[in-house]
């Protein structure tokens, strides 16, 4: 199962500046939102090699590559390759946060090509379906929604 998900919100004005700094800020704000939404249970640890999302500071749920900022006439975006983690079946896929700079202005959080360890298509018992849909998928949706709303309100 390759998981693709996208959330978006309309923007009245740009959430970040149209620059590599602005693109990186999209990612930094997203990682900060994870900690806010989970009340510190899940934290982002950024380093030279990328970002790790850790549960209680000990267990790496996701390991992402370094930020890949992109800026052009149409969009400002920050992409992170999904590399490893307890919730990753195998490396592949990405998390991309994009601000469309031309009307209609939008902010988009997209996960594409991600292969979850809790793959409901491989688990015949139903436990994988429950864990993925009731925990992981809901958590991702809550973080994305909160992030998009916060970024839209701030600007």
Protein backbone atom coordinates (compact mmCIF):
# COMPACT_ATOMS: atom_id res chain seq x y z
CA UNK A 1 0.00 0.00 0.00
CA UNK A 2 1.47 3.30 -1.04
CA UNK A 3 -0.14 6.01 0.98
CA UNK A 4 -0.93 9.41 -0.53
CA UNK A 5 -2.65 12.12 1.44
CA UNK A 6 -3.17 15.81 0.89
CA UNK A 7 -4.60 18.60 3.01
CA UNK A 8 -4.99 22.21 1.90
CA UNK A 9 -6.24 25.58 3.02
CA UNK A 10 -6.85 28.87 1.23
CA UNK A 11 -4.60 31.78 2.16
CA UNK A 12 -5.52 35.45 2.12
CA UNK A 13 -1.84 36.35 1.83
CA UNK A 14 1.41 34.45 1.77
CA UNK A 15 2.24 32.54 4.95
CA UNK A 16 5.99 32.75 4.28
CA UNK A 17 8.22 34.82 2.05
CA UNK A 18 8.95 33.55 -1.42
CA UNK A 19 12.52 32.42 -0.79
CA UNK A 20 14.53 29.40 0.32
CA UNK A 21 14.32 30.78 3.86
CA UNK A 22 10.53 30.90 3.54
CA UNK A 23 10.48 27.36 2.15
CA UNK A 24 12.54 26.07 5.08
CA UNK A 25 10.25 27.91 7.48
CA UNK A 26 7.29 25.92 6.12
CA UNK A 27 9.03 22.76 7.31
CA UNK A 28 10.22 24.20 10.62
CA UNK A 29 6.70 25.33 11.50
CA UNK A 30 5.30 21.92 10.59
CA UNK A 31 7.74 20.14 12.92
CA UNK A 32 6.89 22.59 15.71
CA UNK A 33 3.19 21.92 15.18
CA UNK A 34 3.69 18.20 15.75
CA UNK A 35 5.10 18.90 19.21
CA UNK A 36 2.23 21.33 19.99
CA UNK A 37 -0.51 18.95 18.85
CA UNK A 38 0.96 15.95 20.67
CA UNK A 39 1.76 18.05 23.76
CA UNK A 40 5.43 17.13 23.46
CA UNK A 41 4.85 13.38 23.25
CA UNK A 42 6.25 13.43 19.71
CA UNK A 43 9.11 15.83 19.02
CA UNK A 44 11.14 16.76 15.99
CA UNK A 45 14.90 16.58 16.29
CA UNK A 46 16.59 18.41 13.43
CA UNK A 47 20.20 17.77 12.47
CA UNK A 48 22.53 18.00 9.49
CA UNK A 49 21.24 14.70 8.09
CA UNK A 50 17.55 15.55 8.37
CA UNK A 51 14.75 15.39 10.90
CA UNK A 52 13.67 12.63 13.25
CA UNK A 53 10.25 12.47 14.86
CA UNK A 54 10.70 10.76 18.19
CA UNK A 55 8.20 9.38 20.66
CA UNK A 56 9.10 10.49 24.20
CA UNK A 57 12.56 11.37 22.90
CA UNK A 58 13.55 7.71 22.58
CA UNK A 59 11.84 5.96 19.69
CA UNK A 60 12.22 7.22 16.13
CA UNK A 61 8.80 7.07 14.52
CA UNK A 62 10.00 8.71 11.29
CA UNK A 63 13.39 9.68 9.94
CA UNK A 64 13.37 12.24 7.14
CA UNK A 65 16.16 13.47 4.91
CA UNK A 66 17.28 17.10 4.97
CA UNK A 67 14.92 19.81 3.76
CA UNK A 68 14.77 20.29 0.01
CA UNK A 69 13.50 23.84 -0.53
CA UNK A 70 12.15 24.83 -3.95
CA UNK A 71 11.13 28.30 -5.05
CA UNK A 72 9.77 29.35 -8.44
CA UNK A 73 7.16 31.70 -9.89
CA UNK A 74 4.30 29.43 -8.88
CA UNK A 75 5.21 28.01 -5.48
CA UNK A 76 7.45 27.90 -2.45
CA UNK A 77 7.86 24.40 -1.07
CA UNK A 78 9.87 22.27 1.30
CA UNK A 79 10.18 18.53 0.70
CA UNK A 80 11.46 15.86 3.06
CA UNK A 81 12.26 12.35 1.88
CA UNK A 82 10.97 9.57 4.17
CA UNK A 83 13.93 7.36 5.07
CA UNK A 84 13.26 5.22 8.14
CA UNK A 85 11.44 4.80 11.43
CA UNK A 86 9.21 2.50 13.44
CA UNK A 87 6.19 3.53 11.37
CA UNK A 88 7.95 3.10 8.01
CA UNK A 89 7.91 -0.25 6.21
CA UNK A 90 10.69 0.83 3.85
CA UNK A 91 12.37 4.01 2.69
CA UNK A 92 10.52 5.94 0.06
CA UNK A 93 7.99 8.65 -0.37
CA UNK A 94 8.00 12.18 0.88
CA UNK A 95 6.35 14.90 2.92
CA UNK A 96 6.02 18.14 0.97
CA UNK A 97 4.66 21.44 2.22
CA UNK A 98 3.79 23.87 -0.55
CA UNK A 99 2.61 27.45 -0.64
CA UNK A 100 1.09 28.40 -3.98
CA UNK A 101 2.18 31.98 -4.55
CA UNK A 102 -0.22 32.77 -7.36
CA UNK A 103 -3.99 32.84 -7.00
CA UNK A 104 -5.62 30.83 -5.74
CA UNK A 105 -3.20 31.13 -2.84
CA UNK A 106 -3.13 27.90 -0.86
CA UNK A 107 -1.01 26.06 1.62
CA UNK A 108 -0.78 22.29 1.04
CA UNK A 109 0.61 19.43 3.11
CA UNK A 110 1.12 16.31 1.01
CA UNK A 111 2.46 12.85 1.79
CA UNK A 112 3.18 10.78 -1.27
CA UNK A 113 4.61 7.31 -1.78
CA UNK A 114 4.81 6.48 1.92
CA UNK A 115 4.71 2.78 2.81
CA UNK A 116 3.40 2.39 6.38
CA UNK A 117 4.64 -0.40 8.62
CA UNK A 118 1.06 -0.66 9.90
CA UNK A 119 -0.08 -1.56 6.40
CA UNK A 120 -3.72 -2.63 6.66
CA UNK A 121 -3.48 -4.52 3.36
CA UNK A 122 -0.87 -6.91 4.85
CA UNK A 123 -2.56 -7.49 8.20
CA UNK A 124 -5.41 -9.97 7.88
CA UNK A 125 -6.35 -9.72 11.58
CA UNK A 126 -7.63 -6.18 11.32
CA UNK A 127 -5.20 -4.88 13.96
CA UNK A 128 -3.17 -3.05 11.29
CA UNK A 129 -6.32 -1.45 9.90
CA UNK A 130 -7.35 -0.29 13.36
CA UNK A 131 -3.92 1.00 14.37
CA UNK A 132 -3.33 2.79 11.10
CA UNK A 133 -6.76 4.37 10.63
CA UNK A 134 -7.55 5.08 14.28
CA UNK A 135 -4.12 6.23 15.44
CA UNK A 136 -1.57 7.07 12.78
CA UNK A 137 -3.89 8.44 10.10
CA UNK A 138 -5.92 10.46 12.63
CA UNK A 139 -2.75 11.89 14.18
CA UNK A 140 -1.41 12.92 10.77
CA UNK A 141 -4.73 14.55 9.85
CA UNK A 142 -4.93 16.41 13.18
CA UNK A 143 -1.40 17.77 12.84
CA UNK A 144 -1.96 18.79 9.22
CA UNK A 145 -5.24 20.53 9.97
CA UNK A 146 -3.81 22.36 12.98
CA UNK A 147 -0.71 23.42 11.04
CA UNK A 148 -2.69 24.72 8.08
CA UNK A 149 -5.11 26.65 10.28
CA UNK A 150 -2.28 28.16 12.37
CA UNK A 151 -0.32 29.25 9.29
CA UNK A 152 -3.43 30.73 7.63
CA UNK A 153 -4.37 32.68 10.79
CA UNK A 154 -0.87 34.00 11.33
CA UNK A 155 -0.83 35.74 7.96
